[in-house]
C-alpha cells in the first residue's frame, strides 16, 4: 500500500482473498477478535517466525490480531517486518461455544465459526466443541 505524497514508500499490506478471521494469536486455536472481509485491505506490522501469519491492527476493535497468510495477497516487501512473539495458546475447554455456519470458499465445505463474521449471512446455528 503506497502512502499518499510518498510514491516511493510502499507499506506492507494484505488484501483478503476470502473472509478471514483475525485471531488473538497465529493459530486457528486462538479466539477470533475480528474479520477481514473479502477484498478488504490492512497494513501489516509484523509476522510469525514462519511467515505463515501476519500481525495487523484489529479491523473490528482495539489492539492487534493475526491473519493467516494463506487467505490474503501481500503487497510490498515484508522481509523487514519484525517477528512478533505469539501469546500462549488458550487452554482447551469442554464448554461449547455458539457460532454460525458459513460456507468455506476455499474447500466448499460448511464451517462453524464464532463470532459470526461482520456483514456475513450465516446459515444455521451451530456449536463449537
N, C-alpha and C. Protein backbone atom coordinates (compact mmCIF):
# COMPACT_ATOMS: atom_id res chain seq x y z
N UNK A 1 0.85 -1.16 0.00
CA UNK A 1 0.00 0.00 0.00
C UNK A 1 0.91 1.24 0.00
N UNK A 2 0.82 2.06 -1.04
CA UNK A 2 1.65 3.26 -1.10
C UNK A 2 1.02 4.38 -0.30
N UNK A 3 1.87 5.15 0.35
CA UNK A 3 1.40 6.27 1.14
C UNK A 3 1.20 7.48 0.25
N UNK A 4 0.10 8.24 0.46
CA UNK A 4 -0.12 9.43 -0.35
C UNK A 4 1.02 10.44 -0.17
N UNK A 5 1.45 11.02 -1.26
CA UNK A 5 2.51 12.02 -1.20
C UNK A 5 3.90 11.42 -1.11
N UNK A 6 4.00 10.11 -0.97
CA UNK A 6 5.29 9.43 -0.90
C UNK A 6 5.26 8.22 -1.83
N UNK A 7 5.34 8.44 -3.15
CA UNK A 7 5.17 7.34 -4.10
C UNK A 7 6.25 6.27 -4.01
N UNK A 8 7.41 6.58 -3.43
CA UNK A 8 8.48 5.59 -3.35
C UNK A 8 8.40 4.73 -2.09
N UNK A 9 7.47 5.03 -1.20
CA UNK A 9 7.34 4.28 0.04
C UNK A 9 6.17 3.31 -0.10
N UNK A 10 6.45 2.03 0.07
CA UNK A 10 5.41 1.02 -0.02
C UNK A 10 5.32 0.34 1.34
N UNK A 11 4.17 0.46 1.98
CA UNK A 11 3.95 -0.14 3.29
C UNK A 11 3.38 -1.54 3.10
N UNK A 12 3.96 -2.57 3.75
CA UNK A 12 3.42 -3.93 3.60
C UNK A 12 1.95 -3.98 4.00
N UNK A 13 1.16 -4.62 3.14
CA UNK A 13 -0.27 -4.73 3.41
C UNK A 13 -0.79 -6.05 2.84
N UNK A 14 -1.98 -6.40 3.29
CA UNK A 14 -2.65 -7.60 2.79
C UNK A 14 -4.03 -7.22 2.27
N UNK A 15 -4.52 -8.01 1.31
CA UNK A 15 -5.89 -7.91 0.83
C UNK A 15 -6.50 -9.29 0.93
N UNK A 16 -7.66 -9.39 1.60
CA UNK A 16 -8.30 -10.68 1.83
C UNK A 16 -8.83 -11.29 0.53
N UNK A 17 -8.49 -12.55 0.30
CA UNK A 17 -9.00 -13.29 -0.86
C UNK A 17 -10.36 -13.91 -0.56
N UNK A 18 -10.69 -13.97 0.73
CA UNK A 18 -11.94 -14.52 1.24
C UNK A 18 -12.16 -13.89 2.60
N UNK A 19 -13.30 -14.08 3.21
CA UNK A 19 -13.49 -13.62 4.59
C UNK A 19 -12.52 -14.41 5.46
N UNK A 20 -11.73 -13.70 6.26
CA UNK A 20 -10.71 -14.36 7.08
C UNK A 20 -10.77 -13.81 8.50
N UNK A 21 -10.67 -14.73 9.47
CA UNK A 21 -10.67 -14.34 10.88
C UNK A 21 -9.35 -13.67 11.23
N UNK A 22 -9.43 -12.69 12.09
CA UNK A 22 -8.25 -12.05 12.67
C UNK A 22 -8.22 -12.53 14.12
N UNK A 23 -7.22 -13.32 14.45
CA UNK A 23 -7.20 -14.07 15.71
C UNK A 23 -6.26 -13.46 16.74
N UNK A 24 -6.43 -13.92 17.99
CA UNK A 24 -5.61 -13.44 19.11
C UNK A 24 -4.17 -13.94 19.01
N UNK A 25 -3.91 -14.94 18.20
CA UNK A 25 -2.57 -15.48 18.01
C UNK A 25 -2.47 -16.19 16.67
N UNK A 26 -1.25 -16.59 16.28
CA UNK A 26 -1.03 -17.19 14.96
C UNK A 26 -1.33 -18.69 14.92
N UNK A 27 -2.59 -19.04 15.13
CA UNK A 27 -3.02 -20.43 15.10
C UNK A 27 -4.54 -20.43 15.13
N UNK A 28 -5.18 -21.41 14.48
CA UNK A 28 -6.65 -21.42 14.46
C UNK A 28 -7.25 -21.73 15.83
N UNK A 29 -6.44 -22.14 16.80
CA UNK A 29 -6.96 -22.41 18.14
C UNK A 29 -7.16 -21.14 18.97
N UNK A 30 -6.65 -20.01 18.50
CA UNK A 30 -6.85 -18.74 19.20
C UNK A 30 -8.23 -18.18 18.88
N UNK A 31 -8.74 -17.36 19.77
CA UNK A 31 -10.05 -16.73 19.63
C UNK A 31 -10.06 -15.74 18.47
N UNK A 32 -11.19 -15.69 17.75
CA UNK A 32 -11.39 -14.67 16.72
C UNK A 32 -11.64 -13.33 17.39
N UNK A 33 -10.88 -12.31 16.97
CA UNK A 33 -11.06 -10.96 17.50
C UNK A 33 -11.77 -10.05 16.51
N UNK A 34 -11.74 -10.41 15.24
CA UNK A 34 -12.35 -9.61 14.19
C UNK A 34 -12.26 -10.37 12.88
N UNK A 35 -12.65 -9.71 11.80
CA UNK A 35 -12.62 -10.33 10.48
C UNK A 35 -12.17 -9.30 9.45
N UNK A 36 -11.41 -9.78 8.47
CA UNK A 36 -11.09 -9.01 7.28
C UNK A 36 -11.94 -9.66 6.19
N UNK A 37 -12.87 -8.90 5.65
CA UNK A 37 -13.78 -9.44 4.65
C UNK A 37 -13.12 -9.46 3.27
N UNK A 38 -13.60 -10.36 2.42
CA UNK A 38 -13.05 -10.50 1.08
C UNK A 38 -12.94 -9.13 0.41
N UNK A 39 -11.74 -8.81 -0.09
CA UNK A 39 -11.49 -7.54 -0.78
C UNK A 39 -11.00 -6.43 0.12
N UNK A 40 -11.17 -6.56 1.44
CA UNK A 40 -10.67 -5.54 2.36
C UNK A 40 -9.16 -5.65 2.51
N UNK A 41 -8.52 -4.51 2.81
CA UNK A 41 -7.07 -4.46 2.97
C UNK A 41 -6.70 -3.95 4.35
N UNK A 42 -5.49 -4.31 4.78
CA UNK A 42 -4.97 -3.85 6.07
C UNK A 42 -3.46 -3.77 6.00
N UNK A 43 -2.89 -2.79 6.67
CA UNK A 43 -1.43 -2.71 6.79
C UNK A 43 -0.98 -3.82 7.72
N UNK A 44 0.18 -4.40 7.45
CA UNK A 44 0.72 -5.43 8.34
C UNK A 44 1.96 -4.87 9.03
N UNK A 45 2.07 -5.18 10.32
CA UNK A 45 3.14 -4.61 11.14
C UNK A 45 4.10 -5.65 11.68
N UNK A 46 3.81 -6.92 11.44
CA UNK A 46 4.69 -7.98 11.93
C UNK A 46 4.28 -9.32 11.35
N UNK A 47 5.04 -10.36 11.77
CA UNK A 47 4.81 -11.71 11.24
C UNK A 47 5.24 -12.72 12.30
N UNK A 48 4.85 -13.97 12.10
CA UNK A 48 5.38 -15.02 12.96
C UNK A 48 6.70 -15.52 12.35
N UNK A 49 7.41 -16.37 13.05
CA UNK A 49 8.72 -16.84 12.59
C UNK A 49 8.66 -17.48 11.21
N UNK A 50 7.62 -18.26 10.97
CA UNK A 50 7.49 -18.99 9.70
C UNK A 50 6.89 -18.14 8.57
N UNK A 51 6.48 -16.92 8.87
CA UNK A 51 5.81 -16.02 7.93
C UNK A 51 4.56 -16.68 7.35
N UNK A 52 3.83 -17.39 8.20
CA UNK A 52 2.57 -18.00 7.81
C UNK A 52 1.37 -17.22 8.36
N UNK A 53 1.64 -16.25 9.24
CA UNK A 53 0.61 -15.38 9.82
C UNK A 53 1.14 -13.95 9.84
N UNK A 54 0.22 -13.00 9.59
CA UNK A 54 0.56 -11.58 9.62
C UNK A 54 -0.08 -10.92 10.83
N UNK A 55 0.63 -9.98 11.46
CA UNK A 55 0.17 -9.24 12.63
C UNK A 55 -0.27 -7.86 12.17
N UNK A 56 -1.51 -7.49 12.46
CA UNK A 56 -2.09 -6.25 11.97
C UNK A 56 -2.99 -5.62 13.03
N UNK A 57 -3.36 -4.36 12.82
CA UNK A 57 -4.36 -3.73 13.67
C UNK A 57 -5.67 -4.50 13.49
N UNK A 58 -6.39 -4.72 14.60
CA UNK A 58 -7.67 -5.39 14.53
C UNK A 58 -8.64 -4.54 13.70
N UNK A 59 -9.20 -5.09 12.61
CA UNK A 59 -10.12 -4.30 11.79
C UNK A 59 -11.46 -4.03 12.48
N UNK A 60 -11.75 -4.75 13.56
CA UNK A 60 -13.06 -4.63 14.21
C UNK A 60 -12.99 -4.18 15.66
N UNK A 61 -11.84 -3.72 16.12
CA UNK A 61 -11.74 -3.30 17.52
C UNK A 61 -10.33 -2.85 17.85
N UNK A 62 -10.09 -2.62 19.14
CA UNK A 62 -8.77 -2.13 19.54
C UNK A 62 -7.71 -3.24 19.49
N UNK A 63 -6.47 -2.83 19.42
CA UNK A 63 -5.35 -3.77 19.50
C UNK A 63 -4.99 -4.41 18.17
N UNK A 64 -4.18 -5.44 18.26
CA UNK A 64 -3.69 -6.17 17.10
C UNK A 64 -4.28 -7.57 17.07
N UNK A 65 -4.19 -8.20 15.89
CA UNK A 65 -4.61 -9.59 15.74
C UNK A 65 -3.83 -10.20 14.58
N UNK A 66 -3.99 -11.50 14.40
CA UNK A 66 -3.22 -12.28 13.43
C UNK A 66 -4.13 -12.77 12.30
N UNK A 67 -3.65 -12.63 11.05
CA UNK A 67 -4.37 -13.07 9.86
C UNK A 67 -3.52 -14.13 9.16
N UNK A 68 -4.17 -15.27 8.83
CA UNK A 68 -3.48 -16.37 8.14
C UNK A 68 -3.02 -15.93 6.76
N UNK A 69 -1.75 -16.16 6.45
CA UNK A 69 -1.16 -15.72 5.19
C UNK A 69 -1.77 -16.41 3.97
N UNK A 70 -2.34 -17.59 4.15
CA UNK A 70 -2.93 -18.32 3.03
C UNK A 70 -4.23 -17.75 2.53
N UNK A 71 -4.81 -16.80 3.26
CA UNK A 71 -6.11 -16.23 2.89
C UNK A 71 -6.00 -14.82 2.33
N UNK A 72 -4.76 -14.35 2.10
CA UNK A 72 -4.57 -12.96 1.67
C UNK A 72 -3.50 -12.85 0.60
N UNK A 73 -3.58 -11.78 -0.18
CA UNK A 73 -2.49 -11.38 -1.09
C UNK A 73 -1.67 -10.34 -0.35
N UNK A 74 -0.36 -10.38 -0.53
CA UNK A 74 0.54 -9.44 0.15
C UNK A 74 1.08 -8.45 -0.87
N UNK A 75 1.15 -7.19 -0.47
CA UNK A 75 1.73 -6.15 -1.30
C UNK A 75 2.94 -5.57 -0.58
N UNK A 76 4.00 -5.34 -1.30
CA UNK A 76 5.25 -4.73 -0.81
C UNK A 76 6.16 -5.74 -0.12
N UNK A 77 7.37 -5.33 0.12
CA UNK A 77 8.40 -6.17 0.74
C UNK A 77 8.10 -6.36 2.22
N UNK A 78 8.05 -7.62 2.66
CA UNK A 78 7.78 -7.93 4.06
C UNK A 78 9.02 -8.42 4.80
N UNK A 79 10.16 -8.45 4.13
CA UNK A 79 11.36 -9.03 4.73
C UNK A 79 11.85 -8.29 5.97
N UNK A 80 11.53 -7.02 6.09
CA UNK A 80 11.99 -6.23 7.24
C UNK A 80 10.97 -6.18 8.39
N UNK A 81 9.84 -6.83 8.21
CA UNK A 81 8.84 -6.83 9.29
C UNK A 81 9.38 -7.59 10.49
N UNK A 82 9.11 -7.10 11.70
CA UNK A 82 9.61 -7.80 12.88
C UNK A 82 8.83 -9.09 13.13
N UNK A 83 9.52 -10.06 13.74
CA UNK A 83 8.86 -11.27 14.20
C UNK A 83 8.22 -10.94 15.55
N UNK A 84 6.93 -11.20 15.66
CA UNK A 84 6.18 -10.91 16.88
C UNK A 84 5.95 -12.23 17.63
N UNK A 85 6.28 -12.23 18.91
CA UNK A 85 6.09 -13.43 19.72
C UNK A 85 4.60 -13.70 19.90
N UNK A 86 4.23 -14.95 19.76
CA UNK A 86 2.84 -15.35 19.94
C UNK A 86 2.50 -15.46 21.42
N UNK A 87 1.28 -15.08 21.78
CA UNK A 87 0.85 -15.30 23.16
C UNK A 87 0.69 -16.80 23.42
N UNK A 88 0.65 -17.22 24.67
CA UNK A 88 0.44 -18.64 24.96
C UNK A 88 -0.89 -19.12 24.36
N UNK A 89 -0.90 -20.37 23.91
CA UNK A 89 -2.13 -20.94 23.38
C UNK A 89 -3.19 -20.98 24.47
N UNK A 90 -4.44 -20.77 24.10
CA UNK A 90 -5.51 -20.83 25.11
C UNK A 90 -5.65 -22.26 25.65
N UNK A 91 -6.09 -22.35 26.89
CA UNK A 91 -6.36 -23.65 27.49
C UNK A 91 -7.58 -24.27 26.80
N UNK A 92 -7.51 -25.58 26.50
CA UNK A 92 -8.68 -26.22 25.91
C UNK A 92 -9.86 -26.16 26.88
N UNK A 93 -11.05 -26.06 26.33
CA UNK A 93 -12.25 -26.01 27.16
C UNK A 93 -13.25 -27.04 26.66
N UNK A 94 -14.01 -27.60 27.58
CA UNK A 94 -15.06 -28.54 27.20
C UNK A 94 -16.39 -27.84 26.97
N UNK A 95 -16.44 -26.54 27.29
CA UNK A 95 -17.69 -25.80 27.13
C UNK A 95 -17.92 -25.49 25.65
N UNK A 96 -19.09 -25.85 25.11
CA UNK A 96 -19.39 -25.50 23.72
C UNK A 96 -19.58 -23.99 23.56
N UNK A 97 -19.25 -23.49 22.39
CA UNK A 97 -19.40 -22.08 22.07
C UNK A 97 -20.36 -21.97 20.90
N UNK A 98 -21.39 -21.13 21.04
CA UNK A 98 -22.35 -20.96 19.94
C UNK A 98 -21.74 -20.14 18.82
N UNK A 99 -21.99 -20.56 17.61
CA UNK A 99 -21.48 -19.85 16.44
C UNK A 99 -22.50 -19.89 15.33
N UNK A 100 -22.05 -19.75 14.09
CA UNK A 100 -22.94 -19.84 12.95
C UNK A 100 -22.22 -20.57 11.82
N UNK A 101 -22.99 -21.20 10.96
CA UNK A 101 -22.38 -21.93 9.85
C UNK A 101 -22.17 -20.99 8.67
N UNK A 102 -21.03 -21.13 8.04
CA UNK A 102 -20.72 -20.37 6.84
C UNK A 102 -20.04 -21.31 5.84
N UNK A 103 -20.21 -21.05 4.57
CA UNK A 103 -19.56 -21.87 3.55
C UNK A 103 -18.11 -21.42 3.40
N UNK A 104 -17.19 -22.38 3.47
CA UNK A 104 -15.77 -22.13 3.29
C UNK A 104 -15.52 -22.04 1.79
N UNK A 105 -15.14 -20.85 1.30
CA UNK A 105 -14.96 -20.65 -0.14
C UNK A 105 -13.78 -21.43 -0.69
N UNK A 106 -12.83 -21.76 0.16
CA UNK A 106 -11.65 -22.50 -0.28
C UNK A 106 -11.96 -23.98 -0.47
N UNK A 107 -12.66 -24.59 0.48
CA UNK A 107 -12.92 -26.03 0.44
C UNK A 107 -14.31 -26.37 -0.05
N UNK A 108 -15.24 -25.40 0.01
CA UNK A 108 -16.62 -25.66 -0.37
C UNK A 108 -17.44 -26.29 0.75
N UNK A 109 -16.77 -26.63 1.86
CA UNK A 109 -17.46 -27.24 2.99
C UNK A 109 -18.14 -26.22 3.86
N UNK A 110 -18.81 -26.70 4.88
CA UNK A 110 -19.50 -25.85 5.84
C UNK A 110 -18.67 -25.81 7.12
N UNK A 111 -18.37 -24.62 7.62
CA UNK A 111 -17.60 -24.44 8.85
C UNK A 111 -18.48 -23.76 9.90
N UNK A 112 -18.21 -24.09 11.15
CA UNK A 112 -18.85 -23.41 12.27
C UNK A 112 -17.86 -22.37 12.76
N UNK A 113 -18.25 -21.09 12.78
CA UNK A 113 -17.34 -20.02 13.21
C UNK A 113 -18.00 -19.18 14.28
N UNK A 114 -17.16 -18.59 15.11
CA UNK A 114 -17.64 -17.67 16.13
C UNK A 114 -16.60 -16.59 16.33
N UNK A 115 -16.97 -15.33 16.44
CA UNK A 115 -18.32 -14.83 16.22
C UNK A 115 -18.66 -14.86 14.74
N UNK A 116 -19.92 -14.67 14.41
CA UNK A 116 -20.31 -14.62 13.01
C UNK A 116 -19.60 -13.43 12.36
N UNK A 117 -19.03 -13.61 11.16
CA UNK A 117 -18.33 -12.51 10.50
C UNK A 117 -19.25 -11.32 10.27
N UNK A 118 -18.71 -10.13 10.45
CA UNK A 118 -19.45 -8.90 10.21
C UNK A 118 -19.86 -8.88 8.74
N UNK A 119 -21.11 -8.59 8.49
CA UNK A 119 -21.62 -8.50 7.12
C UNK A 119 -21.93 -9.84 6.49
N UNK A 120 -21.71 -10.95 7.21
CA UNK A 120 -21.97 -12.26 6.65
C UNK A 120 -23.45 -12.60 6.76
N UNK A 121 -23.89 -13.51 5.94
CA UNK A 121 -25.23 -14.04 6.04
C UNK A 121 -25.11 -15.48 6.51
N UNK A 122 -25.08 -15.66 7.84
CA UNK A 122 -24.83 -17.00 8.36
C UNK A 122 -25.98 -17.96 8.09
N UNK A 123 -25.63 -19.25 8.10
CA UNK A 123 -26.64 -20.30 7.95
C UNK A 123 -27.18 -20.68 9.32
N UNK A 124 -27.42 -21.94 9.51
CA UNK A 124 -28.00 -22.43 10.76
C UNK A 124 -27.03 -22.24 11.93
N UNK A 125 -27.59 -22.08 13.16
CA UNK A 125 -26.74 -22.01 14.35
C UNK A 125 -25.99 -23.33 14.51
N UNK A 126 -24.82 -23.27 15.12
CA UNK A 126 -24.03 -24.47 15.37
C UNK A 126 -23.28 -24.28 16.69
N UNK A 127 -22.63 -25.32 17.13
CA UNK A 127 -21.88 -25.26 18.38
C UNK A 127 -20.46 -25.74 18.15
N UNK A 128 -19.48 -24.92 18.57
CA UNK A 128 -18.08 -25.33 18.52
C UNK A 128 -17.79 -26.12 19.78
N UNK A 129 -17.15 -27.25 19.62
CA UNK A 129 -16.81 -28.05 20.81
C UNK A 129 -15.34 -28.31 20.86
